[in-house]
C-alpha atoms as a PDB file:
ATOM      1  CA  MET A   1       0.339  -0.128   0.064  1.00  0.00           C
ATOM      2  CA  ARG A   2       1.569   3.288  -0.982  1.00  0.00           C
ATOM      3  CA  GLU A   3       1.869   6.151   1.684  1.00  0.00           C
ATOM      4  CA  PHE A   4       0.942   9.669   0.073  1.00  0.00           C
ATOM      5  CA  THR A   5       2.406  12.563   2.551  1.00  0.00           C
ATOM      6  CA  GLU A   6       1.068  16.171   2.081  1.00  0.00           C
ATOM      7  CA  THR A   7       3.804  19.115   1.145  1.00  0.00           C
ATOM      8  CA  THR A   8       3.267  22.547   0.590  1.00  0.00           C
ATOM      9  CA  MET A   9       5.393  23.963  -2.178  1.00  0.00           C
ATOM     10  CA  ARG A  10       5.583  27.696  -2.453  1.00  0.00           C
ATOM     11  CA  THR A  11       6.065  29.086  -6.336  1.00  0.00           C
ATOM     12  CA  ALA A  12       8.035  31.863  -7.487  1.00  0.00           C
ATOM     13  CA  ARG A  13       5.672  34.946  -8.240  1.00  0.00           C
ATOM     14  CA  THR A  14       6.286  38.000 -10.133  1.00  0.00           C
ATOM     15  CA  GLY A  15       6.624  41.046  -7.815  1.00  0.00           C
ATOM     16  CA  ASN A  16       4.823  44.080  -9.398  1.00  0.00           C
ATOM     17  CA  ILE A  17       4.100  47.607  -8.044  1.00  0.00           C
ATOM     18  CA  THR A  18       1.430  49.546  -9.784  1.00  0.00           C
ATOM     19  CA  ILE A  19       0.524  53.054  -8.644  1.00  0.00           C
ATOM     20  CA  GLU A  20      -2.287  54.820  -9.593  1.00  0.00           C
ATOM     21  CA  ASN A  21      -2.852  58.663  -9.352  1.00  0.00           C
ATOM     22  CA  ARG A  22      -0.666  58.650  -5.695  1.00  0.00           C
ATOM     23  CA  GLU A  23      -3.750  57.306  -4.409  1.00  0.00           C
ATOM     24  CA  HIS A  24      -3.840  53.597  -4.959  1.00  0.00           C
ATOM     25  CA  ILE A  25      -1.128  51.006  -4.773  1.00  0.00           C
ATOM     26  CA  THR A  26      -1.228  47.266  -5.937  1.00  0.00           C
ATOM     27  CA  VAL A  27       1.717  44.614  -4.996  1.00  0.00           C
ATOM     28  CA  THR A  28       2.295  41.350  -6.068  1.00  0.00           C
ATOM     29  CA  GLY A  29       4.135  38.696  -4.897  1.00  0.00           C
ATOM     30  CA  VAL A  30       3.479  39.507  -1.644  1.00  0.00           C
ATOM     31  CA  ALA A  31       4.063  36.724   0.962  1.00  0.00           C
ATOM     32  CA  ASP A  32       2.526  38.527   4.466  1.00  0.00           C
ATOM     33  CA  ILE A  33       2.151  41.941   5.748  1.00  0.00           C
ATOM     34  CA  ASP A  34       4.701  42.594   9.054  1.00  0.00           C
ATOM     35  CA  SER A  35       3.007  45.841  10.210  1.00  0.00           C
ATOM     36  CA  PHE A  36       0.899  48.376   9.064  1.00  0.00           C
ATOM     37  CA  ASN A  37      -0.675  52.050  10.614  1.00  0.00           C
ATOM     38  CA  GLU A  38      -2.608  54.933   8.381  1.00  0.00           C
ATOM     39  CA  ASN A  39       0.865  56.250   7.464  1.00  0.00           C
ATOM     40  CA  GLU A  40       3.352  52.894   6.719  1.00  0.00           C
ATOM     41  CA  ILE A  41       2.734  49.499   5.595  1.00  0.00           C
ATOM     42  CA  MET A  42       5.689  46.986   6.064  1.00  0.00           C
ATOM     43  CA  VAL A  43       5.393  44.046   3.382  1.00  0.00           C
ATOM     44  CA  ARG A  44       7.388  40.956   3.221  1.00  0.00           C
ATOM     45  CA  THR A  45       7.202  40.016  -0.489  1.00  0.00           C
ATOM     46  CA  ASP A  46       9.303  37.626  -2.405  1.00  0.00           C
ATOM     47  CA  ASP A  47      11.539  40.100  -3.471  1.00  0.00           C
ATOM     48  CA  GLY A  48      12.402  41.685   0.070  1.00  0.00           C
ATOM     49  CA  ARG A  49      10.675  43.772   2.442  1.00  0.00           C
ATOM     50  CA  LEU A  50       8.747  46.668   1.141  1.00  0.00           C
ATOM     51  CA  THR A  51       7.555  49.768   3.237  1.00  0.00           C
ATOM     52  CA  VAL A  52       4.602  51.866   1.564  1.00  0.00           C
ATOM     53  CA  PHE A  53       4.495  55.332   2.932  1.00  0.00           C
ATOM     54  CA  GLY A  54       1.694  57.817   3.005  1.00  0.00           C
ATOM     55  CA  GLN A  55      -1.608  59.010   4.498  1.00  0.00           C
ATOM     56  CA  GLY A  56      -4.633  57.524   5.299  1.00  0.00           C
ATOM     57  CA  LEU A  57      -3.392  54.308   4.047  1.00  0.00           C
ATOM     58  CA  HIS A  58      -5.654  51.417   4.302  1.00  0.00           C
ATOM     59  CA  ILE A  59      -5.464  48.269   3.245  1.00  0.00           C
ATOM     60  CA  ALA A  60      -8.149  47.605   0.862  1.00  0.00           C
ATOM     61  CA  ARG A  61      -7.710  43.969  -0.344  1.00  0.00           C
ATOM     62  CA  LEU A  62      -5.334  41.160   0.873  1.00  0.00           C
ATOM     63  CA  ASP A  63      -5.028  38.085  -0.651  1.00  0.00           C
ATOM     64  CA  LEU A  64      -1.684  35.868   0.615  1.00  0.00           C
ATOM     65  CA  GLU A  65      -2.778  32.888  -1.495  1.00  0.00           C
ATOM     66  CA  GLN A  66      -2.548  34.966  -5.157  1.00  0.00           C
ATOM     67  CA  GLY A  67       0.148  37.015  -3.215  1.00  0.00           C
ATOM     68  CA  GLN A  68      -1.497  40.255  -4.046  1.00  0.00           C
ATOM     69  CA  LEU A  69      -2.158  43.629  -1.861  1.00  0.00           C
ATOM     70  CA  THR A  70      -4.125  46.435  -2.733  1.00  0.00           C
ATOM     71  CA  VAL A  71      -3.781  49.579  -0.443  1.00  0.00           C
ATOM     72  CA  ASP A  72      -5.636  53.098  -0.832  1.00  0.00           C
ATOM     73  CA  GLY A  73      -4.775  56.370   0.383  1.00  0.00           C
ATOM     74  CA  LEU A  74      -2.513  59.456  -0.347  1.00  0.00           C
ATOM     75  CA  ILE A  75       1.121  57.116  -1.334  1.00  0.00           C
ATOM     76  CA  GLY A  76       3.933  59.132  -0.464  1.00  0.00           C
ATOM     77  CA  GLY A  77       6.723  56.574  -1.694  1.00  0.00           C
ATOM     78  CA  VAL A  78       7.829  52.944  -1.497  1.00  0.00           C
ATOM     79  CA  GLU A  79      11.144  51.682  -0.880  1.00  0.00           C
ATOM     80  CA  TYR A  80      12.832  47.780  -0.350  1.00  0.00           C
ATOM     81  CA  THR A  81      14.980  47.820   2.821  1.00  0.00           C
ATOM     82  CA  ASP A  82      16.417  44.346   2.099  1.00  0.00           C
ATOM     83  CA  VAL A  83      16.298  40.979   0.723  1.00  0.00           C
ATOM     84  CA  LEU A  84      14.618  38.313   1.811  1.00  0.00           C
ATOM     85  CA  GLU A  85      16.133  34.609   1.756  1.00  0.00           C
ATOM     86  CA  LYS A  86      13.616  32.325   0.965  1.00  0.00           C
ATOM     87  CA  GLN A  87      12.249  31.302   4.335  1.00  0.00           C
ATOM     88  CA  PRO A  88       8.658  30.730   5.759  1.00  0.00           C
ATOM     89  CA  ALA A  89       6.653  33.479   6.052  1.00  0.00           C
ATOM     90  CA  GLN A  90       6.512  34.990   9.930  1.00  0.00           C
ATOM     91  CA  GLY A  91       4.513  38.301   9.654  1.00  0.00           C
ATOM     92  CA  LEU A  92       1.482  39.423  11.536  1.00  0.00           C
ATOM     93  CA  PHE A  93      -0.897  37.468   9.476  1.00  0.00           C
ATOM     94  CA  SER A  94       0.955  34.246   9.104  1.00  0.00           C
ATOM     95  CA  LYS A  95       0.836  34.451  13.133  1.00  0.00           C
ATOM     96  CA  LEU A  96      -2.847  35.362  13.383  1.00  0.00           C
ATOM     97  CA  PHE A  97      -4.221  32.337  11.469  1.00  0.00           C
ATOM     98  CA  ARG A  98      -1.659  29.154  12.269  1.00  0.00           C
END
């Protein structure tokens, strides 16, 4: 009799950032959210940590299975702060939904 084991494989996703009129940003390749408030959202992506700066920021949509994040508010800027090694997500939402 054969034994089957379930494995979870994370495939590499393409990371893109689209900003529309400095009021709407869409990020793909999102692994998790590390922290967020009205002025800063720290995102763990497949390409490293990404920080979105602005005013009145709020997460309009978050789909970690698809790796997509949409934020509304006044976008002041974005910055990659480091490059992540391929490791399991340990951000805020991963901890909440264990």
